[in-house]
Amino acid sequence: SGGGCNLKKSWHPQTLRNVEKVWKAEQKHEAERKKIEELQREQDAEDAGTVP
């Protein structure tokens, strides 16, 4: 039914380039999330240490 034609389209989600692009974006997002989480943890530790 012509489904194979879509694999040649640049926007098709199964093309290797698009899969790689999504994977890289997810990795970047995850790294930023971890960085924010770590900064919040440090801030909480500082706040806990300064409260009498």
PDB file of N, CA and C in Angstrom:
ATOM      1  N   SER A   1       0.815  -1.211   0.000  1.00  0.00           N
ATOM      2  CA  SER A   1       0.000   0.000   0.000  1.00  0.00           C
ATOM      3  C   SER A   1       0.848   1.260   0.000  1.00  0.00           C
ATOM      4  N   GLY A   2       2.090   1.171  -0.429  1.00  0.00           N
ATOM      5  CA  GLY A   2       2.903   2.377  -0.556  1.00  0.00           C
ATOM      6  C   GLY A   2       3.510   2.859   0.745  1.00  0.00           C
ATOM      7  N   GLY A   3       3.457   2.071   1.801  1.00  0.00           N
ATOM      8  CA  GLY A   3       4.016   2.499   3.083  1.00  0.00           C
ATOM      9  C   GLY A   3       5.515   2.701   3.047  1.00  0.00           C
ATOM     10  N   GLY A   4       6.203   1.962   2.189  1.00  0.00           N
ATOM     11  CA  GLY A   4       7.649   2.081   2.081  1.00  0.00           C
ATOM     12  C   GLY A   4       8.102   3.427   1.541  1.00  0.00           C
ATOM     13  N   CYS A   5       7.236   4.099   0.814  1.00  0.00           N
ATOM     14  CA  CYS A   5       7.586   5.410   0.259  1.00  0.00           C
ATOM     15  C   CYS A   5       7.876   6.422   1.356  1.00  0.00           C
ATOM     16  N   ASN A   6       7.158   6.310   2.471  1.00  0.00           N
ATOM     17  CA  ASN A   6       7.340   7.279   3.537  1.00  0.00           C
ATOM     18  C   ASN A   6       8.726   7.223   4.163  1.00  0.00           C
ATOM     19  N   LEU A   7       9.395   6.068   4.073  1.00  0.00           N
ATOM     20  CA  LEU A   7      10.736   5.964   4.640  1.00  0.00           C
ATOM     21  C   LEU A   7      11.719   6.891   3.947  1.00  0.00           C
ATOM     22  N   LYS A   8      11.391   7.320   2.735  1.00  0.00           N
ATOM     23  CA  LYS A   8      12.273   8.219   2.000  1.00  0.00           C
ATOM     24  C   LYS A   8      12.014   9.684   2.347  1.00  0.00           C
ATOM     25  N   LYS A   9      10.950   9.956   3.065  1.00  0.00           N
ATOM     26  CA  LYS A   9      10.611  11.331   3.420  1.00  0.00           C
ATOM     27  C   LYS A   9      11.476  11.785   4.589  1.00  0.00           C
ATOM     28  N   SER A  10      11.926  13.022   4.568  1.00  0.00           N
ATOM     29  CA  SER A  10      12.829  13.520   5.611  1.00  0.00           C
ATOM     30  C   SER A  10      12.150  13.610   6.973  1.00  0.00           C
ATOM     31  N   TRP A  11      10.828  13.727   6.982  1.00  0.00           N
ATOM     32  CA  TRP A  11      10.110  13.888   8.248  1.00  0.00           C
ATOM     33  C   TRP A  11       9.694  12.565   8.874  1.00  0.00           C
ATOM     34  N   HIS A  12       9.922  11.463   8.183  1.00  0.00           N
ATOM     35  CA  HIS A  12       9.455  10.173   8.692  1.00  0.00           C
ATOM     36  C   HIS A  12      10.171   9.815   9.997  1.00  0.00           C
ATOM     37  N   PRO A  13       9.413   9.433  11.050  1.00  0.00           N
ATOM     38  CA  PRO A  13      10.013   9.196  12.372  1.00  0.00           C
ATOM     39  C   PRO A  13      10.969   8.010  12.426  1.00  0.00           C
ATOM     40  N   GLN A  14      10.924   7.116  11.439  1.00  0.00           N
ATOM     41  CA  GLN A  14      11.795   5.946  11.483  1.00  0.00           C
ATOM     42  C   GLN A  14      13.098   6.116  10.708  1.00  0.00           C
ATOM     43  N   THR A  15      13.296   7.263  10.058  1.00  0.00           N
ATOM     44  CA  THR A  15      14.572   7.445   9.377  1.00  0.00           C
ATOM     45  C   THR A  15      15.649   7.592  10.445  1.00  0.00           C
ATOM     46  N   LEU A  16      16.822   7.034  10.166  1.00  0.00           N
ATOM     47  CA  LEU A  16      17.903   7.010  11.136  1.00  0.00           C
ATOM     48  C   LEU A  16      18.253   8.416  11.608  1.00  0.00           C
ATOM     49  N   ARG A  17      18.245   9.372  10.708  1.00  0.00           N
ATOM     50  CA  ARG A  17      18.601  10.740  11.069  1.00  0.00           C
ATOM     51  C   ARG A  17      17.621  11.294  12.112  1.00  0.00           C
ATOM     52  N   ASN A  18      16.326  11.034  11.902  1.00  0.00           N
ATOM     53  CA  ASN A  18      15.327  11.540  12.843  1.00  0.00           C
ATOM     54  C   ASN A  18      15.388  10.816  14.178  1.00  0.00           C
ATOM     55  N   VAL A  19      15.617   9.501  14.151  1.00  0.00           N
ATOM     56  CA  VAL A  19      15.752   8.746  15.397  1.00  0.00           C
ATOM     57  C   VAL A  19      16.935   9.284  16.189  1.00  0.00           C
ATOM     58  N   GLU A  20      18.039   9.540  15.496  1.00  0.00           N
ATOM     59  CA  GLU A  20      19.244  10.056  16.148  1.00  0.00           C
ATOM     60  C   GLU A  20      18.998  11.456  16.713  1.00  0.00           C
ATOM     61  N   LYS A  21      18.288  12.279  15.948  1.00  0.00           N
ATOM     62  CA  LYS A  21      17.997  13.647  16.386  1.00  0.00           C
ATOM     63  C   LYS A  21      17.164  13.630  17.666  1.00  0.00           C
ATOM     64  N   VAL A  22      16.153  12.767  17.702  1.00  0.00           N
ATOM     65  CA  VAL A  22      15.295  12.642  18.884  1.00  0.00           C
ATOM     66  C   VAL A  22      16.117  12.141  20.069  1.00  0.00           C
ATOM     67  N   TRP A  23      16.973  11.143  19.832  1.00  0.00           N
ATOM     68  CA  TRP A  23      17.785  10.580  20.897  1.00  0.00           C
ATOM     69  C   TRP A  23      18.709  11.639  21.494  1.00  0.00           C
ATOM     70  N   LYS A  24      19.353  12.426  20.631  1.00  0.00           N
ATOM     71  CA  LYS A  24      20.251  13.483  21.110  1.00  0.00           C
ATOM     72  C   LYS A  24      19.479  14.530  21.906  1.00  0.00           C
ATOM     73  N   ALA A  25      18.298  14.885  21.442  1.00  0.00           N
ATOM     74  CA  ALA A  25      17.480  15.868  22.162  1.00  0.00           C
ATOM     75  C   ALA A  25      17.090  15.332  23.536  1.00  0.00           C
ATOM     76  N   GLU A  26      16.743  14.047  23.598  1.00  0.00           N
ATOM     77  CA  GLU A  26      16.382  13.448  24.882  1.00  0.00           C
ATOM     78  C   GLU A  26      17.581  13.403  25.820  1.00  0.00           C
ATOM     79  N   GLN A  27      18.761  13.101  25.292  1.00  0.00           N
ATOM     80  CA  GLN A  27      19.970  13.064  26.117  1.00  0.00           C
ATOM     81  C   GLN A  27      20.272  14.452  26.677  1.00  0.00           C
ATOM     82  N   LYS A  28      20.127  15.464  25.846  1.00  0.00           N
ATOM     83  CA  LYS A  28      20.390  16.839  26.275  1.00  0.00           C
ATOM     84  C   LYS A  28      19.400  17.253  27.361  1.00  0.00           C
ATOM     85  N   HIS A  29      18.142  16.908  27.149  1.00  0.00           N
ATOM     86  CA  HIS A  29      17.099  17.240  28.115  1.00  0.00           C
ATOM     87  C   HIS A  29      17.380  16.559  29.457  1.00  0.00           C
ATOM     88  N   GLU A  30      17.758  15.291  29.402  1.00  0.00           N
ATOM     89  CA  GLU A  30      18.036  14.528  30.617  1.00  0.00           C
ATOM     90  C   GLU A  30      19.234  15.120  31.363  1.00  0.00           C
ATOM     91  N   ALA A  31      20.263  15.530  30.639  1.00  0.00           N
ATOM     92  CA  ALA A  31      21.450  16.130  31.260  1.00  0.00           C
ATOM     93  C   ALA A  31      21.081  17.452  31.941  1.00  0.00           C
ATOM     94  N   GLU A  32      20.254  18.246  31.291  1.00  0.00           N
ATOM     95  CA  GLU A  32      19.829  19.517  31.881  1.00  0.00           C
ATOM     96  C   GLU A  32      18.979  19.277  33.118  1.00  0.00           C
ATOM     97  N   ARG A  33      18.113  18.265  33.067  1.00  0.00           N
ATOM     98  CA  ARG A  33      17.260  17.947  34.211  1.00  0.00           C
ATOM     99  C   ARG A  33      18.111  17.527  35.416  1.00  0.00           C
ATOM    100  N   LYS A  34      19.115  16.697  35.164  1.00  0.00           N
ATOM    101  CA  LYS A  34      20.001  16.244  36.245  1.00  0.00           C
ATOM    102  C   LYS A  34      20.779  17.408  36.834  1.00  0.00           C
ATOM    103  N   LYS A  35      21.223  18.328  35.979  1.00  0.00           N
ATOM    104  CA  LYS A  35      21.979  19.495  36.427  1.00  0.00           C
ATOM    105  C   LYS A  35      21.110  20.361  37.340  1.00  0.00           C
ATOM    106  N   ILE A  36      19.865  20.595  36.934  1.00  0.00           N
ATOM    107  CA  ILE A  36      18.938  21.395  37.734  1.00  0.00           C
ATOM    108  C   ILE A  36      18.662  20.698  39.066  1.00  0.00           C
ATOM    109  N   GLU A  37      18.461  19.384  38.998  1.00  0.00           N
ATOM    110  CA  GLU A  37      18.189  18.614  40.209  1.00  0.00           C
ATOM    111  C   GLU A  37      19.358  18.734  41.197  1.00  0.00           C
ATOM    112  N   GLU A  38      20.582  18.645  40.684  1.00  0.00           N
ATOM    113  CA  GLU A  38      21.772  18.747  41.526  1.00  0.00           C
ATOM    114  C   GLU A  38      21.885  20.139  42.142  1.00  0.00           C
ATOM    115  N   LEU A  39      21.612  21.177  41.345  1.00  0.00           N
ATOM    116  CA  LEU A  39      21.664  22.536  41.867  1.00  0.00           C
ATOM    117  C   LEU A  39      20.623  22.741  42.968  1.00  0.00           C
ATOM    118  N   GLN A  40      19.425  22.157  42.772  1.00  0.00           N
ATOM    119  CA  GLN A  40      18.387  22.272  43.794  1.00  0.00           C
ATOM    120  C   GLN A  40      18.797  21.554  45.069  1.00  0.00           C
ATOM    121  N   ARG A  41      19.451  20.394  44.925  1.00  0.00           N
ATOM    122  CA  ARG A  41      19.911  19.633  46.079  1.00  0.00           C
ATOM    123  C   ARG A  41      20.956  20.436  46.858  1.00  0.00           C
ATOM    124  N   GLU A  42      21.885  21.072  46.125  1.00  0.00           N
ATOM    125  CA  GLU A  42      22.903  21.899  46.777  1.00  0.00           C
ATOM    126  C   GLU A  42      22.258  23.080  47.492  1.00  0.00           C
ATOM    127  N   GLN A  43      21.276  23.701  46.841  1.00  0.00           N
ATOM    128  CA  GLN A  43      20.582  24.842  47.439  1.00  0.00           C
ATOM    129  C   GLN A  43      19.855  24.417  48.709  1.00  0.00           C
ATOM    130  N   ASP A  44      19.196  23.265  48.671  1.00  0.00           N
ATOM    131  CA  ASP A  44      18.496  22.756  49.849  1.00  0.00           C
ATOM    132  C   ASP A  44      19.475  22.485  50.983  1.00  0.00           C
ATOM    133  N   ALA A  45      20.636  21.943  50.661  1.00  0.00           N
ATOM    134  CA  ALA A  45      21.646  21.661  51.677  1.00  0.00           C
ATOM    135  C   ALA A  45      22.155  22.959  52.294  1.00  0.00           C
ATOM    136  N   GLU A  46      22.366  23.970  51.459  1.00  0.00           N
ATOM    137  CA  GLU A  46      22.807  25.269  51.970  1.00  0.00           C
ATOM    138  C   GLU A  46      21.733  25.885  52.862  1.00  0.00           C
ATOM    139  N   ASP A  47      20.492  25.831  52.411  1.00  0.00           N
ATOM    140  CA  ASP A  47      19.387  26.383  53.196  1.00  0.00           C
ATOM    141  C   ASP A  47      19.276  25.667  54.536  1.00  0.00           C
ATOM    142  N   ALA A  48      19.425  24.359  54.544  1.00  0.00           N
ATOM    143  CA  ALA A  48      19.321  23.583  55.776  1.00  0.00           C
ATOM    144  C   ALA A  48      20.465  23.934  56.716  1.00  0.00           C
ATOM    145  N   GLY A  49      21.623  24.246  56.166  1.00  0.00           N
ATOM    146  CA  GLY A  49      22.787  24.568  56.991  1.00  0.00           C
ATOM    147  C   GLY A  49      22.730  25.960  57.576  1.00  0.00           C
ATOM    148  N   THR A  50      21.986  26.883  56.983  1.00  0.00           N
ATOM    149  CA  THR A  50      21.964  28.263  57.466  1.00  0.00           C
ATOM    150  C   THR A  50      20.785  28.553  58.379  1.00  0.00           C
ATOM    151  N   VAL A  51      19.841  27.628  58.460  1.00  0.00           N
ATOM    152  CA  VAL A  51      18.677  27.834  59.320  1.00  0.00           C
ATOM    153  C   VAL A  51      19.076  27.475  60.758  1.00  0.00           C
ATOM    154  N   PRO A  52      18.863  28.398  61.717  1.00  0.00           N
ATOM    155  CA  PRO A  52      19.260  28.111  63.107  1.00  0.00           C
ATOM    156  C   PRO A  52      18.448  26.996  63.738  1.00  0.00           C
TER     157      PRO A  52
END
